[in-house]
C-alpha atoms as a PDB file:
ATOM      1  CA  UNK A   1    -193.241  28.458  78.726  1.00  0.00           C
ATOM      2  CA  UNK A   2    -192.326  27.601  75.008  1.00  0.00           C
ATOM      3  CA  UNK A   3    -189.504  27.612  73.129  1.00  0.00           C
ATOM      4  CA  UNK A   4    -190.454  28.729  69.193  1.00  0.00           C
ATOM      5  CA  UNK A   5    -187.703  28.068  67.268  1.00  0.00           C
ATOM      6  CA  UNK A   6    -187.767  29.061  63.222  1.00  0.00           C
ATOM      7  CA  UNK A   7    -185.546  28.641  60.871  1.00  0.00           C
ATOM      8  CA  UNK A   8    -185.022  30.973  58.807  1.00  0.00           C
ATOM      9  CA  UNK A   9    -183.245  32.316  55.614  1.00  0.00           C
ATOM     10  CA  UNK A  10    -180.239  34.399  55.555  1.00  0.00           C
ATOM     11  CA  UNK A  11    -178.092  34.983  59.337  1.00  0.00           C
ATOM     12  CA  UNK A  12    -180.549  34.911  61.659  1.00  0.00           C
ATOM     13  CA  UNK A  13    -183.128  32.405  63.403  1.00  0.00           C
ATOM     14  CA  UNK A  14    -185.490  33.100  66.022  1.00  0.00           C
ATOM     15  CA  UNK A  15    -187.288  31.890  68.384  1.00  0.00           C
ATOM     16  CA  UNK A  16    -190.229  32.866  69.842  1.00  0.00           C
ATOM     17  CA  UNK A  17    -191.444  33.181  73.585  1.00  0.00           C
ATOM     18  CA  UNK A  18    -194.358  32.595  74.613  1.00  0.00           C
ATOM     19  CA  UNK A  19    -195.328  32.376  78.551  1.00  0.00           C
ATOM     20  CA  UNK A  20    -198.482  31.949  80.132  1.00  0.00           C
ATOM     21  CA  UNK A  21    -200.015  35.389  80.715  1.00  0.00           C
ATOM     22  CA  UNK A  22    -197.323  37.924  78.947  1.00  0.00           C
ATOM     23  CA  UNK A  23    -196.405  39.280  76.177  1.00  0.00           C
ATOM     24  CA  UNK A  24    -194.911  36.820  73.363  1.00  0.00           C
ATOM     25  CA  UNK A  25    -191.184  37.956  72.580  1.00  0.00           C
ATOM     26  CA  UNK A  26    -188.892  36.820  69.809  1.00  0.00           C
ATOM     27  CA  UNK A  27    -185.401  36.954  69.748  1.00  0.00           C
ATOM     28  CA  UNK A  28    -182.690  36.591  66.622  1.00  0.00           C
ATOM     29  CA  UNK A  29    -180.509  34.039  66.953  1.00  0.00           C
ATOM     30  CA  UNK A  30    -177.749  34.263  64.747  1.00  0.00           C
ATOM     31  CA  UNK A  31    -176.937  30.829  62.648  1.00  0.00           C
ATOM     32  CA  UNK A  32    -173.722  29.445  63.683  1.00  0.00           C
ATOM     33  CA  UNK A  33    -173.737  25.858  61.693  1.00  0.00           C
ATOM     34  CA  UNK A  34    -174.974  24.203  64.653  1.00  0.00           C
ATOM     35  CA  UNK A  35    -178.351  24.508  66.332  1.00  0.00           C
ATOM     36  CA  UNK A  36    -179.447  27.339  67.513  1.00  0.00           C
ATOM     37  CA  UNK A  37    -177.895  29.045  71.026  1.00  0.00           C
ATOM     38  CA  UNK A  38    -181.092  28.844  72.945  1.00  0.00           C
ATOM     39  CA  UNK A  39    -181.789  25.465  71.592  1.00  0.00           C
ATOM     40  CA  UNK A  40    -178.054  24.107  73.511  1.00  0.00           C
ATOM     41  CA  UNK A  41    -179.701  25.970  76.996  1.00  0.00           C
ATOM     42  CA  UNK A  42    -182.635  24.236  76.236  1.00  0.00           C
ATOM     43  CA  UNK A  43    -180.980  20.992  75.571  1.00  0.00           C
ATOM     44  CA  UNK A  44    -178.484  21.502  78.860  1.00  0.00           C
ATOM     45  CA  UNK A  45    -181.009  22.964  81.794  1.00  0.00           C
ATOM     46  CA  UNK A  46    -183.918  20.740  81.077  1.00  0.00           C
ATOM     47  CA  UNK A  47    -181.120  17.924  81.157  1.00  0.00           C
ATOM     48  CA  UNK A  48    -179.992  19.583  84.550  1.00  0.00           C
ATOM     49  CA  UNK A  49    -181.697  20.128  87.721  1.00  0.00           C
ATOM     50  CA  UNK A  50    -180.147  24.083  87.457  1.00  0.00           C
ATOM     51  CA  UNK A  51    -180.973  27.295  86.926  1.00  0.00           C
ATOM     52  CA  UNK A  52    -180.277  28.917  83.509  1.00  0.00           C
ATOM     53  CA  UNK A  53    -180.562  31.601  81.078  1.00  0.00           C
ATOM     54  CA  UNK A  54    -184.330  30.047  80.139  1.00  0.00           C
ATOM     55  CA  UNK A  55    -185.155  29.708  84.079  1.00  0.00           C
ATOM     56  CA  UNK A  56    -184.367  32.819  84.485  1.00  0.00           C
ATOM     57  CA  UNK A  57    -187.291  34.000  80.726  1.00  0.00           C
ATOM     58  CA  UNK A  58    -189.768  31.570  82.541  1.00  0.00           C
ATOM     59  CA  UNK A  59    -189.744  33.041  86.224  1.00  0.00           C
ATOM     60  CA  UNK A  60    -190.158  36.552  83.776  1.00  0.00           C
ATOM     61  CA  UNK A  61    -186.227  37.650  83.009  1.00  0.00           C
ATOM     62  CA  UNK A  62    -187.211  39.609  78.822  1.00  0.00           C
ATOM     63  CA  UNK A  63    -186.241  36.699  76.693  1.00  0.00           C
ATOM     64  CA  UNK A  64    -183.641  38.888  75.270  1.00  0.00           C
ATOM     65  CA  UNK A  65    -181.992  39.773  78.569  1.00  0.00           C
ATOM     66  CA  UNK A  66    -178.067  38.931  78.401  1.00  0.00           C
ATOM     67  CA  UNK A  67    -177.275  36.286  81.400  1.00  0.00           C
ATOM     68  CA  UNK A  68    -176.968  38.307  84.283  1.00  0.00           C
ATOM     69  CA  UNK A  69    -177.778  36.136  86.619  1.00  0.00           C
ATOM     70  CA  UNK A  70    -175.192  34.710  90.098  1.00  0.00           C
ATOM     71  CA  UNK A  71    -173.214  31.553  89.972  1.00  0.00           C
ATOM     72  CA  UNK A  72    -175.646  29.256  88.918  1.00  0.00           C
ATOM     73  CA  UNK A  73    -176.763  31.054  85.507  1.00  0.00           C
ATOM     74  CA  UNK A  74    -173.099  31.589  85.250  1.00  0.00           C
ATOM     75  CA  UNK A  75    -171.555  28.102  85.483  1.00  0.00           C
ATOM     76  CA  UNK A  76    -175.033  27.282  83.141  1.00  0.00           C
ATOM     77  CA  UNK A  77    -173.673  29.778  80.332  1.00  0.00           C
ATOM     78  CA  UNK A  78    -169.798  28.453  80.296  1.00  0.00           C
ATOM     79  CA  UNK A  79    -171.784  24.240  80.144  1.00  0.00           C
ATOM     80  CA  UNK A  80    -173.629  25.893  76.764  1.00  0.00           C
ATOM     81  CA  UNK A  81    -170.486  27.449  75.640  1.00  0.00           C
ATOM     82  CA  UNK A  82    -168.298  24.092  76.307  1.00  0.00           C
ATOM     83  CA  UNK A  83    -171.458  22.331  74.700  1.00  0.00           C
ATOM     84  CA  UNK A  84    -171.230  24.258  71.444  1.00  0.00           C
ATOM     85  CA  UNK A  85    -167.824  24.437  71.023  1.00  0.00           C
ATOM     86  CA  UNK A  86    -167.844  20.296  71.336  1.00  0.00           C
ATOM     87  CA  UNK A  87    -170.284  20.353  68.626  1.00  0.00           C
ATOM     88  CA  UNK A  88    -167.805  22.420  66.452  1.00  0.00           C
ATOM     89  CA  UNK A  89    -164.872  20.765  66.827  1.00  0.00           C
ATOM     90  CA  UNK A  90    -166.006  16.963  67.608  1.00  0.00           C
ATOM     91  CA  UNK A  91    -166.751  14.803  70.981  1.00  0.00           C
ATOM     92  CA  UNK A  92    -164.211  14.937  73.161  1.00  0.00           C
ATOM     93  CA  UNK A  93    -163.860  12.386  76.318  1.00  0.00           C
ATOM     94  CA  UNK A  94    -166.813  13.645  78.939  1.00  0.00           C
ATOM     95  CA  UNK A  95    -163.974  13.744  81.468  1.00  0.00           C
ATOM     96  CA  UNK A  96    -162.039  16.584  79.102  1.00  0.00           C
ATOM     97  CA  UNK A  97    -165.244  18.051  78.333  1.00  0.00           C
ATOM     98  CA  UNK A  98    -165.726  18.601  82.030  1.00  0.00           C
ATOM     99  CA  UNK A  99    -162.654  19.782  82.344  1.00  0.00           C
ATOM    100  CA  UNK A 100    -163.195  22.108  80.063  1.00  0.00           C
ATOM    101  CA  UNK A 101    -166.209  23.372  81.670  1.00  0.00           C
ATOM    102  CA  UNK A 102    -165.312  23.862  84.913  1.00  0.00           C
ATOM    103  CA  UNK A 103    -161.710  25.711  83.546  1.00  0.00           C
ATOM    104  CA  UNK A 104    -163.570  28.215  81.713  1.00  0.00           C
ATOM    105  CA  UNK A 105    -165.766  28.298  85.394  1.00  0.00           C
ATOM    106  CA  UNK A 106    -162.431  29.351  87.277  1.00  0.00           C
ATOM    107  CA  UNK A 107    -160.813  31.751  83.916  1.00  0.00           C
ATOM    108  CA  UNK A 108    -164.413  33.814  84.647  1.00  0.00           C
ATOM    109  CA  UNK A 109    -164.637  34.077  88.313  1.00  0.00           C
ATOM    110  CA  UNK A 110    -166.887  32.016  89.438  1.00  0.00           C
ATOM    111  CA  UNK A 111    -167.825  28.356  90.864  1.00  0.00           C
ATOM    112  CA  UNK A 112    -168.504  24.511  88.198  1.00  0.00           C
ATOM    113  CA  UNK A 113    -171.907  22.986  88.589  1.00  0.00           C
ATOM    114  CA  UNK A 114    -171.177  19.851  89.828  1.00  0.00           C
ATOM    115  CA  UNK A 115    -171.439  17.690  86.539  1.00  0.00           C
ATOM    116  CA  UNK A 116    -171.162  13.636  85.927  1.00  0.00           C
ATOM    117  CA  UNK A 117    -170.275  11.738  83.136  1.00  0.00           C
ATOM    118  CA  UNK A 118    -174.373  10.464  83.016  1.00  0.00           C
ATOM    119  CA  UNK A 119    -175.233  14.129  82.702  1.00  0.00           C
ATOM    120  CA  UNK A 120    -172.260  14.875  79.788  1.00  0.00           C
ATOM    121  CA  UNK A 121    -174.020  11.452  78.222  1.00  0.00           C
ATOM    122  CA  UNK A 122    -177.913  12.202  78.988  1.00  0.00           C
ATOM    123  CA  UNK A 123    -177.268  16.661  77.515  1.00  0.00           C
ATOM    124  CA  UNK A 124    -175.307  14.880  74.495  1.00  0.00           C
ATOM    125  CA  UNK A 125    -178.073  12.701  73.652  1.00  0.00           C
ATOM    126  CA  UNK A 126    -180.732  15.408  73.553  1.00  0.00           C
ATOM    127  CA  UNK A 127    -178.455  17.627  71.962  1.00  0.00           C
ATOM    128  CA  UNK A 128    -178.260  15.013  69.103  1.00  0.00           C
ATOM    129  CA  UNK A 129    -182.166  14.370  68.984  1.00  0.00           C
ATOM    130  CA  UNK A 130    -182.615  18.136  68.611  1.00  0.00           C
ATOM    131  CA  UNK A 131    -179.705  18.224  65.817  1.00  0.00           C
ATOM    132  CA  UNK A 132    -181.490  15.526  63.916  1.00  0.00           C
ATOM    133  CA  UNK A 133    -184.979  17.231  64.283  1.00  0.00           C
ATOM    134  CA  UNK A 134    -183.321  21.115  63.515  1.00  0.00           C
ATOM    135  CA  UNK A 135    -181.927  19.332  60.161  1.00  0.00           C
ATOM    136  CA  UNK A 136    -184.483  17.868  59.128  1.00  0.00           C
ATOM    137  CA  UNK A 137    -186.718  21.467  59.100  1.00  0.00           C
ATOM    138  CA  UNK A 138    -187.013  23.309  55.954  1.00  0.00           C
ATOM    139  CA  UNK A 139    -186.633  27.206  56.258  1.00  0.00           C
ATOM    140  CA  UNK A 140    -189.161  28.667  57.640  1.00  0.00           C
ATOM    141  CA  UNK A 141    -190.162  25.773  59.422  1.00  0.00           C
ATOM    142  CA  UNK A 142    -190.292  25.676  63.428  1.00  0.00           C
ATOM    143  CA  UNK A 143    -190.009  23.122  66.591  1.00  0.00           C
ATOM    144  CA  UNK A 144    -191.834  23.683  69.163  1.00  0.00           C
ATOM    145  CA  UNK A 145    -189.713  22.652  73.049  1.00  0.00           C
ATOM    146  CA  UNK A 146    -191.655  23.265  76.537  1.00  0.00           C
ATOM    147  CA  UNK A 147    -190.325  24.308  79.072  1.00  0.00           C
END
Protein backbone atom coordinates (compact mmCIF):
# COMPACT_ATOMS: atom_id res chain seq x y z
CA UNK A 1 0.00 0.00 0.00
CA UNK A 2 1.32 3.44 -0.91
CA UNK A 3 0.57 6.51 1.17
CA UNK A 4 1.04 9.74 -0.77
CA UNK A 5 1.12 12.78 1.50
CA UNK A 6 0.74 16.11 -0.29
CA UNK A 7 1.50 19.40 1.42
CA UNK A 8 -1.26 21.85 0.59
CA UNK A 9 -1.86 25.52 1.34
CA UNK A 10 -4.67 26.43 3.69
CA UNK A 11 -5.92 24.41 6.64
CA UNK A 12 -5.53 20.89 5.22
CA UNK A 13 -2.89 18.66 3.72
CA UNK A 14 -3.85 15.51 1.83
CA UNK A 15 -3.28 11.79 2.00
CA UNK A 16 -3.99 9.56 -1.01
CA UNK A 17 -4.11 5.83 -0.25
CA UNK A 18 -3.28 3.50 -3.14
CA UNK A 19 -3.89 -0.23 -2.68
CA UNK A 20 -3.56 -2.85 -5.40
CA UNK A 21 -6.91 -3.79 -6.88
CA UNK A 22 -8.84 -0.99 -5.13
CA UNK A 23 -9.84 2.52 -6.03
CA UNK A 24 -7.61 5.19 -4.53
CA UNK A 25 -8.97 7.08 -1.54
CA UNK A 26 -8.11 10.61 -0.46
CA UNK A 27 -8.24 11.94 3.09
CA UNK A 28 -8.06 15.58 4.15
CA UNK A 29 -5.46 15.97 6.92
CA UNK A 30 -5.96 18.99 9.20
CA UNK A 31 -2.71 20.91 9.59
CA UNK A 32 -1.40 20.61 13.13
CA UNK A 33 2.01 22.28 13.06
CA UNK A 34 3.83 18.95 12.84
CA UNK A 35 3.69 16.11 10.33
CA UNK A 36 0.18 14.84 9.51
CA UNK A 37 -1.49 12.54 12.04
CA UNK A 38 -1.51 9.60 9.62
CA UNK A 39 2.21 10.09 9.01
CA UNK A 40 2.73 9.66 12.77
CA UNK A 41 0.70 6.43 12.42
CA UNK A 42 3.09 5.37 9.67
CA UNK A 43 6.14 5.98 11.89
CA UNK A 44 4.64 4.01 14.79
CA UNK A 45 3.10 1.16 12.80
CA UNK A 46 6.05 0.66 10.45
CA UNK A 47 8.37 0.43 13.46
CA UNK A 48 6.30 -1.80 15.75
CA UNK A 49 4.85 -5.18 14.84
CA UNK A 50 1.32 -4.31 16.02
CA UNK A 51 -1.87 -3.60 14.12
CA UNK A 52 -3.28 -0.07 14.01
CA UNK A 53 -5.25 2.21 11.68
CA UNK A 54 -2.94 1.74 8.69
CA UNK A 55 -2.97 -2.03 9.15
CA UNK A 56 -6.79 -1.95 9.08
CA UNK A 57 -6.70 0.13 5.89
CA UNK A 58 -4.11 -2.14 4.27
CA UNK A 59 -6.38 -5.09 5.06
CA UNK A 60 -9.40 -3.52 3.36
CA UNK A 61 -11.02 -1.00 5.72
CA UNK A 62 -12.04 2.36 4.31
CA UNK A 63 -9.26 4.92 4.64
CA UNK A 64 -11.54 7.59 6.08
CA UNK A 65 -12.62 5.58 9.10
CA UNK A 66 -11.99 6.54 12.68
CA UNK A 67 -10.12 3.71 14.36
CA UNK A 68 -12.72 1.24 15.51
CA UNK A 69 -10.52 -1.76 16.01
CA UNK A 70 -9.80 -3.87 19.03
CA UNK A 71 -7.40 -3.31 21.91
CA UNK A 72 -4.32 -3.38 19.67
CA UNK A 73 -5.64 -0.71 17.30
CA UNK A 74 -6.85 1.45 20.19
CA UNK A 75 -3.48 1.09 21.94
CA UNK A 76 -1.68 2.17 18.76
CA UNK A 77 -3.96 5.21 18.53
CA UNK A 78 -3.01 6.20 22.11
CA UNK A 79 0.69 5.76 21.27
CA UNK A 80 0.30 7.96 18.17
CA UNK A 81 -1.44 10.60 20.28
CA UNK A 82 1.33 10.42 22.89
CA UNK A 83 4.01 10.98 20.23
CA UNK A 84 2.00 13.87 18.75
CA UNK A 85 1.83 15.50 22.19
CA UNK A 86 5.57 15.10 22.54
CA UNK A 87 6.14 16.62 19.10
CA UNK A 88 4.09 19.66 20.11
CA UNK A 89 5.50 20.03 23.61
CA UNK A 90 9.08 18.78 23.45
CA UNK A 91 10.96 15.58 24.17
CA UNK A 92 10.66 13.86 27.51
CA UNK A 93 12.59 10.87 28.85
CA UNK A 94 11.41 7.67 27.13
CA UNK A 95 10.22 6.22 30.44
CA UNK A 96 7.93 9.25 30.93
CA UNK A 97 6.53 8.88 27.42
CA UNK A 98 5.80 5.20 28.10
CA UNK A 99 4.11 6.05 31.42
CA UNK A 100 1.97 8.71 29.70
CA UNK A 101 1.01 6.22 27.00
CA UNK A 102 0.07 3.55 29.55
CA UNK A 103 -1.98 6.09 31.52
CA UNK A 104 -3.83 7.14 28.34
CA UNK A 105 -4.69 3.51 27.59
CA UNK A 106 -5.90 2.95 31.15
CA UNK A 107 -8.02 6.13 31.01
CA UNK A 108 -9.68 4.87 27.82
CA UNK A 109 -10.31 1.44 29.35
CA UNK A 110 -8.11 -0.74 27.20
CA UNK A 111 -4.74 -2.38 27.57
CA UNK A 112 -1.41 -0.95 26.50
CA UNK A 113 0.91 -2.81 24.18
CA UNK A 114 4.36 -3.55 25.55
CA UNK A 115 6.67 -0.75 24.44
CA UNK A 116 10.37 -0.64 25.32
CA UNK A 117 12.76 2.29 25.43
CA UNK A 118 14.40 0.92 22.26
CA UNK A 119 10.99 1.08 20.51
CA UNK A 120 10.58 4.72 21.57
CA UNK A 121 14.06 5.54 20.27
CA UNK A 122 13.36 3.84 16.91
CA UNK A 123 10.03 5.63 16.48
CA UNK A 124 11.59 8.98 17.39
CA UNK A 125 14.30 8.44 14.79
CA UNK A 126 11.68 7.69 12.14
CA UNK A 127 9.61 10.73 13.21
CA UNK A 128 12.70 12.94 12.95
CA UNK A 129 13.41 11.64 9.43
CA UNK A 130 9.80 12.19 8.34
CA UNK A 131 9.71 15.66 9.88
CA UNK A 132 12.86 16.65 7.98
CA UNK A 133 11.44 15.33 4.69
CA UNK A 134 8.01 16.93 5.26
CA UNK A 135 9.51 20.29 6.22
CA UNK A 136 11.55 20.36 3.00
CA UNK A 137 8.47 20.00 0.79
CA UNK A 138 7.02 23.02 -0.97
CA UNK A 139 3.26 23.53 -1.15
CA UNK A 140 1.73 20.98 -3.57
CA UNK A 141 4.78 18.70 -3.35
CA UNK A 142 4.26 15.13 -2.16
CA UNK A 143 6.11 12.29 -0.51
CA UNK A 144 5.28 8.62 -0.91
CA UNK A 145 5.60 6.06 1.85
CA UNK A 146 5.07 2.33 1.32
CA UNK A 147 3.34 0.37 4.06
